[in-house]
C-alpha cells in the first residue's frame, strides 16, 4: 500500500521501468508458456508461430500437428524376438507380423519416406532381411526377402 504517493500503470504489453515513472516494452516471450512453440517479441506485444508440420490454433498461442487427409495416421511399432506389432496411437492394433518356423526377429527399422518396415529374421543357418510396405490406407503389402550371408550377422 502506498501512502501520499502515486503509482504508475502501463498499457498491456508494457511494464513500469525501474525509475517507477515511465513504461518500457515487456518481453512476453521471456514468460514460460506464452507460446507453445516459438515466440517473437514485438514492441508492445508478441507473436507466436509454429514449426514446420504444425498449424496455429485459434488461441494464437498453441500449435497442433498437421493431419492432412492424404497422411496416414501416426503409428507405433513394438517388436520382440517373435513378433512386430503395429498400433495406431489410439491403441487399436493395425497389424501383427510374426516370425515363422522358429526364426527370431532382430534389428527393426522404419523407412519413413517409403512407408516401409524392415527387419532381420534369423535362425542358426541363415539370415534374411525382410521388408513390408504400409499403404496410405493402413494395409500391408506382400513382404519381400533378401538372403544374407551368415558372416554379415
Foldseek 3Di string as FASTA:
>chain_A
DDPPDDADDDDQQWDQDPVRPDIAGDQPVVDPQQAPDDWARDGSGIAYDDDPQWHADPVRGYIDGDDDPQAAADWDWDDDQFWIWIGGPVGHTLDIDGDPDPWTWADWDADVVQQKIWIWTDDDQWIKIKMWHADSVGDIDDIDIDTDHPVVD
